Protein backbone atom coordinates (compact mmCIF):
# COMPACT_ATOMS: atom_id res chain seq x y z
CA MET A 1 -23.56 26.57 -22.86
CA LEU A 2 -22.42 22.92 -23.17
CA PRO A 3 -18.87 23.61 -21.89
CA LEU A 4 -20.39 25.44 -18.91
CA LEU A 5 -22.69 22.52 -18.10
CA LEU A 6 -19.78 20.07 -18.39
CA SER A 7 -17.70 22.23 -16.05
CA LEU A 8 -20.49 22.41 -13.48
CA SER A 9 -21.02 18.64 -13.68
CA LEU A 10 -17.35 17.84 -13.13
CA GLY A 11 -17.16 20.37 -10.33
CA ALA A 12 -20.01 18.65 -8.51
CA GLN A 13 -18.31 15.28 -8.99
CA GLY A 14 -15.07 16.68 -7.58
CA ALA A 15 -16.91 17.79 -4.42
CA GLN A 16 -18.62 14.44 -3.81
CA GLY A 17 -16.99 11.93 -6.12
CA PRO A 18 -18.55 8.78 -7.58
CA THR A 19 -19.25 5.71 -5.43
CA ALA A 20 -18.42 2.04 -6.00
CA THR A 21 -19.08 -1.08 -3.94
CA ALA A 22 -16.74 -3.97 -3.18
CA HIS A 23 -18.82 -7.08 -3.88
CA ALA A 24 -18.35 -9.86 -1.32
CA VAL A 25 -17.65 -13.33 -2.77
CA ALA A 26 -17.19 -16.73 -1.18
CA THR A 27 -14.79 -17.97 -3.84
CA PRO A 28 -12.15 -15.44 -4.92
CA PRO A 29 -10.92 -15.21 -8.51
CA VAL A 30 -7.67 -16.85 -9.62
CA ILE A 31 -5.10 -14.20 -10.47
CA ASP A 32 -4.16 -15.13 -14.03
CA GLY A 33 -4.97 -11.93 -15.91
CA ARG A 34 -7.84 -13.50 -17.88
CA LEU A 35 -10.82 -12.30 -15.77
CA THR A 36 -12.93 -15.36 -16.61
CA ASP A 37 -13.85 -16.36 -13.03
CA PRO A 38 -17.55 -16.29 -12.03
CA ALA A 39 -16.72 -13.93 -9.14
CA TRP A 40 -16.15 -11.06 -11.58
CA GLN A 41 -19.51 -11.46 -13.23
CA GLU A 42 -21.30 -10.91 -9.92
CA ALA A 43 -19.84 -7.44 -9.38
CA GLU A 44 -21.24 -4.19 -10.77
CA PRO A 45 -18.88 -2.65 -13.36
CA VAL A 46 -17.28 0.71 -12.58
CA THR A 47 -17.29 2.99 -15.63
CA GLY A 48 -17.44 6.68 -16.52
CA PHE A 49 -13.74 7.54 -16.77
CA VAL A 50 -12.98 11.20 -17.58
CA GLN A 51 -9.87 12.55 -19.30
CA ARG A 52 -7.27 14.64 -17.54
CA GLU A 53 -5.21 14.58 -20.72
CA LEU A 54 -5.43 15.02 -23.69
CA HIS A 55 -8.85 16.71 -23.64
CA GLU A 56 -9.58 17.67 -20.06
CA GLY A 57 -13.11 16.81 -18.99
CA ALA A 58 -13.97 14.68 -22.04
CA PRO A 59 -14.98 11.00 -21.71
CA ILE A 60 -12.27 8.40 -22.17
CA THR A 61 -11.94 7.33 -25.81
CA GLU A 62 -11.62 3.57 -25.19
CA ARG A 63 -14.12 1.42 -23.32
CA THR A 64 -12.98 0.82 -19.75
CA GLU A 65 -14.67 -1.31 -17.07
CA VAL A 66 -13.47 -2.16 -13.58
CA ARG A 67 -14.93 -4.59 -11.04
CA ILE A 68 -14.00 -4.87 -7.36
CA VAL A 69 -14.63 -7.88 -5.12
CA THR A 70 -13.46 -9.07 -1.72
CA ASP A 71 -13.35 -12.38 0.13
CA GLY A 72 -12.58 -10.86 3.55
CA GLU A 73 -8.86 -11.52 3.20
CA ALA A 74 -7.94 -9.36 0.21
CA LEU A 75 -9.29 -6.79 -2.22
CA TYR A 76 -9.49 -7.93 -5.85
CA VAL A 77 -9.57 -5.45 -8.73
CA GLY A 78 -10.27 -6.53 -12.31
CA ALA A 79 -9.85 -4.08 -15.21
CA TRP A 80 -11.18 -4.61 -18.74
CA LEU A 81 -9.12 -2.17 -20.81
CA TYR A 82 -10.60 -2.48 -24.26
CA ASP A 83 -8.74 -1.02 -27.24
CA THR A 84 -9.89 -0.61 -30.84
CA ASP A 85 -6.25 -0.85 -31.97
CA PRO A 86 -4.65 -3.57 -29.82
CA ARG A 87 -1.48 -3.43 -31.93
CA GLY A 88 -0.97 0.08 -30.58
CA ILE A 89 -0.86 -1.05 -26.94
CA VAL A 90 2.52 -0.13 -25.43
CA ALA A 91 3.67 -2.72 -22.88
CA GLY A 92 6.76 -0.84 -21.68
CA GLU A 93 9.71 -2.16 -19.70
CA LYS A 94 9.35 -4.99 -17.23
CA VAL A 95 10.99 -3.45 -14.17
CA ARG A 96 9.36 -3.05 -10.76
CA ASP A 97 8.63 0.61 -10.03
CA GLY A 98 9.93 1.48 -13.50
CA ASP A 99 8.92 4.46 -15.63
CA ILE A 100 5.26 3.82 -16.41
CA THR A 101 4.80 7.08 -18.36
CA LYS A 102 6.30 5.42 -21.44
CA SER A 103 3.64 2.70 -21.58
CA ASP A 104 -0.06 2.07 -21.22
CA TYR A 105 -0.96 1.62 -17.56
CA PHE A 106 -3.80 1.10 -15.11
CA GLY A 107 -3.66 2.08 -11.45
CA VAL A 108 -5.61 1.96 -8.20
CA LEU A 109 -5.46 4.48 -5.37
CA LEU A 110 -6.76 3.37 -1.94
CA ASP A 111 -7.38 5.90 0.82
CA THR A 112 -7.81 3.28 3.56
CA TYR A 113 -8.43 5.72 6.42
CA HIS A 114 -10.73 7.83 4.23
CA ASP A 115 -8.93 10.94 5.48
CA ARG A 116 -8.62 12.34 1.93
CA GLN A 117 -4.91 12.93 2.48
CA ASN A 118 -3.01 9.62 2.57
CA GLY A 119 -3.16 6.43 0.59
CA PHE A 120 -1.58 3.53 -1.29
CA VAL A 121 -1.01 3.31 -5.05
CA PHE A 122 -0.95 0.03 -7.01
CA THR A 123 -0.29 0.27 -10.74
CA THR A 124 0.56 -2.09 -13.58
CA THR A 125 1.20 -2.10 -17.33
CA PRO A 126 0.49 -4.69 -20.05
CA ALA A 127 3.90 -6.16 -19.06
CA ALA A 128 2.44 -6.91 -15.60
CA ILE A 129 4.97 -4.88 -13.61
CA GLU A 130 4.37 -4.01 -9.97
CA TYR A 131 4.46 -0.27 -9.39
CA ASP A 132 3.46 0.69 -5.85
CA ALA A 133 3.92 3.63 -3.52
CA GLN A 134 2.66 5.37 -0.42
CA VAL A 135 1.13 8.83 -0.66
CA VAL A 136 1.29 11.18 2.34
CA SER A 137 -0.44 14.56 2.48
CA GLU A 138 -1.47 14.25 -1.17
CA GLY A 139 2.16 13.85 -2.24
CA GLU A 140 3.31 17.24 -1.02
CA GLY A 141 7.00 17.58 -0.30
CA GLY A 142 8.74 15.70 -3.09
CA GLY A 143 9.23 12.11 -4.15
CA ILE A 144 9.52 13.00 -7.84
CA GLN A 145 12.82 12.11 -9.48
CA LEU A 146 14.77 15.17 -10.56
CA PRO A 147 17.88 15.39 -12.78
CA GLY A 148 20.92 14.14 -10.89
CA GLN A 149 18.90 12.09 -8.38
CA THR A 150 18.78 8.33 -8.11
CA ARG A 151 15.40 6.60 -7.82
CA ALA A 152 16.17 5.80 -4.17
CA MET A 153 16.84 9.45 -3.40
CA ALA A 154 13.69 10.64 -5.12
CA GLY A 155 11.46 7.90 -3.76
CA SER A 156 12.31 8.65 -0.14
CA LEU A 157 11.52 12.36 -0.35
CA GLY A 158 8.37 13.99 0.93
CA GLY A 159 4.90 12.67 0.36
CA PHE A 160 5.34 10.14 -2.47
CA ASN A 161 7.33 7.13 -1.31
CA LEU A 162 8.15 4.94 -4.31
CA ASN A 163 10.57 2.90 -2.18
CA TRP A 164 7.64 1.30 -0.37
CA ASP A 165 7.14 -2.20 -1.76
CA GLY A 166 3.98 -3.91 -0.60
CA THR A 167 3.05 -7.57 -0.92
CA TRP A 168 0.45 -8.00 -3.67
CA THR A 169 -0.14 -9.89 -6.89
CA VAL A 170 -0.98 -8.76 -10.41
CA ALA A 171 -1.38 -10.53 -13.73
CA THR A 172 -2.26 -9.22 -17.20
CA SER A 173 -3.20 -10.53 -20.62
CA VAL A 174 -3.65 -9.07 -24.11
CA ASP A 175 -5.95 -10.17 -26.93
CA SER A 176 -7.61 -8.75 -30.02
CA ALA A 177 -10.05 -6.71 -27.91
CA GLY A 178 -7.53 -4.98 -25.63
CA TRP A 179 -5.68 -5.80 -22.43
CA TYR A 180 -6.75 -6.89 -18.97
CA ALA A 181 -5.33 -6.50 -15.45
CA GLU A 182 -6.14 -8.50 -12.34
CA PHE A 183 -4.99 -7.45 -8.84
CA ARG A 184 -5.00 -9.16 -5.47
CA ILE A 185 -4.16 -6.77 -2.61
CA PRO A 186 -4.10 -8.54 0.79
CA PHE A 187 -5.49 -6.54 3.69
CA THR A 188 -2.32 -7.44 5.63
CA THR A 189 -0.41 -5.20 3.19
CA LEU A 190 -2.51 -2.19 4.19
CA ARG A 191 -3.21 -0.13 7.29
CA TYR A 192 -6.76 0.90 8.05
CA GLY A 193 -9.08 1.93 10.87
CA ALA A 194 -11.29 -0.11 13.17
CA GLY A 195 -14.44 -1.91 12.08
CA GLU A 196 -15.09 -4.94 9.90
CA SER A 197 -17.14 -3.06 7.29
CA GLN A 198 -15.39 0.04 6.03
CA THR A 199 -15.63 2.89 3.56
CA TRP A 200 -12.43 3.90 1.79
CA GLY A 201 -11.42 6.54 -0.69
CA LEU A 202 -10.86 5.19 -4.21
CA ASN A 203 -9.62 6.41 -7.54
CA LEU A 204 -8.74 4.56 -10.73
CA VAL A 205 -6.56 5.72 -13.61
CA ARG A 206 -5.95 4.51 -17.16
CA SER A 207 -3.32 5.77 -19.56
CA ILE A 208 -3.33 5.13 -23.33
CA ARG A 209 0.21 5.95 -24.36
CA ARG A 210 -0.16 6.25 -28.13
CA LYS A 211 -2.89 8.87 -27.64
CA ASN A 212 -1.15 10.71 -24.77
CA GLU A 213 -4.40 10.13 -22.92
CA GLU A 214 -4.87 9.76 -19.17
CA ALA A 215 -8.33 9.33 -17.65
CA PHE A 216 -9.64 8.96 -14.09
CA TRP A 217 -12.74 7.39 -12.61
CA SER A 218 -13.10 10.33 -10.23
CA PHE A 219 -12.19 13.39 -12.31
CA ILE A 220 -8.80 15.00 -11.67
CA PRO A 221 -8.14 18.42 -13.26
CA ARG A 222 -5.02 18.88 -15.34
CA GLN A 223 -3.12 20.77 -12.60
CA PHE A 224 -3.33 17.74 -10.28
CA SER A 225 -2.47 14.03 -10.46
CA LEU A 226 -3.59 10.72 -8.96
CA MET A 227 -2.08 11.90 -5.67
CA LYS A 228 -4.90 14.46 -5.30
CA ILE A 229 -6.66 12.16 -2.85
CA SER A 230 -9.17 14.80 -1.78
CA ARG A 231 -10.79 14.41 -5.22
CA ALA A 232 -11.06 10.61 -5.02
CA GLY A 233 -14.35 8.76 -5.08
CA THR A 234 -15.69 6.35 -2.48
CA LEU A 235 -15.47 2.57 -2.12
CA GLU A 236 -18.13 1.07 0.13
CA GLY A 237 -18.61 -2.42 1.52
CA VAL A 238 -14.95 -3.20 2.24
CA ARG A 239 -15.07 -6.11 4.69
CA VAL A 240 -11.73 -6.44 6.43
CA PRO A 241 -10.68 -9.29 8.75
CA SER A 242 -11.02 -8.80 12.49
CA ARG A 243 -7.77 -9.77 14.13
CA ARG A 244 -5.82 -9.19 17.30
CA VAL A 245 -2.10 -8.93 16.79
CA TRP A 246 0.36 -10.15 19.42
CA THR A 247 4.07 -9.40 19.25
CA VAL A 248 6.24 -10.94 21.98
CA THR A 249 9.90 -9.99 22.42
CA PRO A 250 11.66 -11.78 25.29
CA TYR A 251 15.22 -10.92 26.24
CA ALA A 252 18.00 -12.12 28.54
CA LEU A 253 21.05 -10.20 29.74
CA ALA A 254 24.05 -11.61 31.55
CA GLY A 255 27.35 -10.07 32.57
CA THR A 256 29.80 -9.14 35.27
CA GLU A 257 30.42 -5.90 37.12
CA ARG A 258 32.85 -4.55 39.65
CA ASN A 259 33.36 -1.36 41.55
CA PHE A 260 37.12 -1.28 42.04
CA GLY A 261 36.83 1.13 44.94
CA VAL A 262 34.58 -1.17 46.99
CA ASP A 263 34.43 -4.73 45.60
CA PRO A 264 37.48 -6.93 45.87
CA GLU A 265 36.05 -9.27 43.26
CA ALA A 266 33.85 -8.99 40.17
CA ARG A 267 30.22 -10.08 40.60
CA ARG A 268 27.95 -11.87 38.17
CA ARG A 269 24.51 -10.48 37.34
CA ALA A 270 21.60 -11.48 35.09
CA ASP A 271 18.41 -9.84 33.85
CA ALA A 272 15.47 -11.40 32.05
CA GLY A 273 12.24 -9.94 30.76
CA GLY A 274 10.22 -9.17 27.70
CA GLU A 275 7.85 -6.85 25.89
CA ILE A 276 4.36 -7.72 24.71
CA LYS A 277 2.52 -5.63 22.11
CA TYR A 278 -1.20 -6.25 21.62
CA GLY A 279 -2.84 -4.86 18.50
CA VAL A 280 -6.34 -3.61 19.17
CA THR A 281 -6.53 -2.85 15.43
CA CYS A 282 -3.99 -2.75 12.60
CA SER A 283 -3.47 0.91 13.41
CA PHE A 284 -3.40 0.93 17.22
CA ARG A 285 -1.41 -1.23 19.60
CA ARG A 286 -1.02 -1.47 23.37
CA SER A 287 2.28 -2.53 24.87
CA GLY A 288 3.51 -3.81 28.21
CA ARG A 289 6.91 -4.71 29.59
CA SER A 290 8.16 -6.83 32.46
CA SER A 291 11.55 -7.88 33.72
CA SER A 292 13.24 -9.68 36.58
CA ARG A 293 16.78 -9.50 37.92
CA THR A 294 18.89 -12.20 39.51
CA PRO A 295 20.75 -10.82 42.55
CA ALA A 296 24.44 -10.33 41.98
CA SER A 297 26.64 -13.23 43.09
CA SER A 298 29.81 -12.66 45.06
CA GLN A 299 31.50 -15.64 43.45
CA PRO A 300 34.75 -14.72 41.71
CA ALA A 301 34.59 -14.19 38.00
CA ARG A 302 37.41 -14.17 35.52
CA ARG A 303 38.49 -10.61 34.83
CA ARG A 304 39.06 -9.28 31.36
CA PRO A 305 41.98 -6.92 30.74
CA TRP A 306 41.34 -3.16 30.68
CA THR A 307 37.65 -3.37 31.53
CA SER A 308 35.65 -2.86 34.66
CA SER A 309 32.36 -4.18 33.26
CA SER A 310 31.43 -6.64 30.53
CA ARG A 311 27.98 -7.72 29.38
CA ALA A 312 26.64 -10.18 26.83
CA ALA A 313 23.07 -9.85 25.56
CA SER A 314 20.75 -11.95 23.45
CA ALA A 315 17.23 -11.09 22.33
CA SER A 316 14.80 -13.07 20.25
CA THR A 317 13.37 -11.78 16.99
CA PRO A 318 9.84 -10.37 17.37
CA SER A 319 7.08 -12.64 16.13
CA ALA A 320 5.62 -11.98 12.71
CA SER A 321 2.71 -9.56 12.61
CA PRO A 322 -0.08 -9.61 10.01
CA CYS A 323 -0.15 -5.81 10.04
CA PRO A 324 2.41 -4.09 7.81
CA SER A 325 5.23 -2.11 9.32
């Protein structure tokens, strides 16, 4: 009877998922991996992690608490990863996007459009590595490294893009009670829909290497992984900045042209113009283009051997945009 009740409970959670709230703060925490800032104490802890491995459906064996805050410019995630045997914590290698399966790790999945299909993954280990990726269509279509493939080949395949490197910050620390991870994920690193107050999909994962244990905040059955975004929980109260993004690209073209059948001499010509892109949101942009042309001059121009037309062009670099590419 108890296994049946547990199964029904987890099934209901999978349909709806748990809910967390991003607590708004005026003063953001300092990212040092210590989690001692007052901002963290104001947020409600996220708990209730459930094992995918080793014992599917069972509660996590080590105390785990996560708090999420925002200052309107970035999302901050603090994880208290307690461990009754801190000497058994496996830090792993210190390589960006390295193999995290050989170490303890903690990760965050953000479904910023709340479409239950696509998202961003941010993960770290006790060694404070940055492991990040984009998930498309719940990771279907590849992206997993197979024998004979390089990491670049595997990362660019299908729905799990490990080659994506976002701009974010993470710090960790270890003491006699366990290890701790502190993330700062700027909203400029992410893409999201319109509206200053948003609801996103969220899942959290913790792995305890020595126990071969992996647990999720929103339960993931053994046949799936973190990329199963449709089973993620919900993050409410995400206050994103309201911004309008302008990208201006002017250009100038100059050259000479000649029709040998009609023109006795080469003629100079010049074009100038530009393109303006206006971001209504970080996911939708309008664009416009204008140009002007200087009439061709009949003044003689020096001819270049073996060519009937020559043109030189110069274009400025587009202005920086706070929305990610």
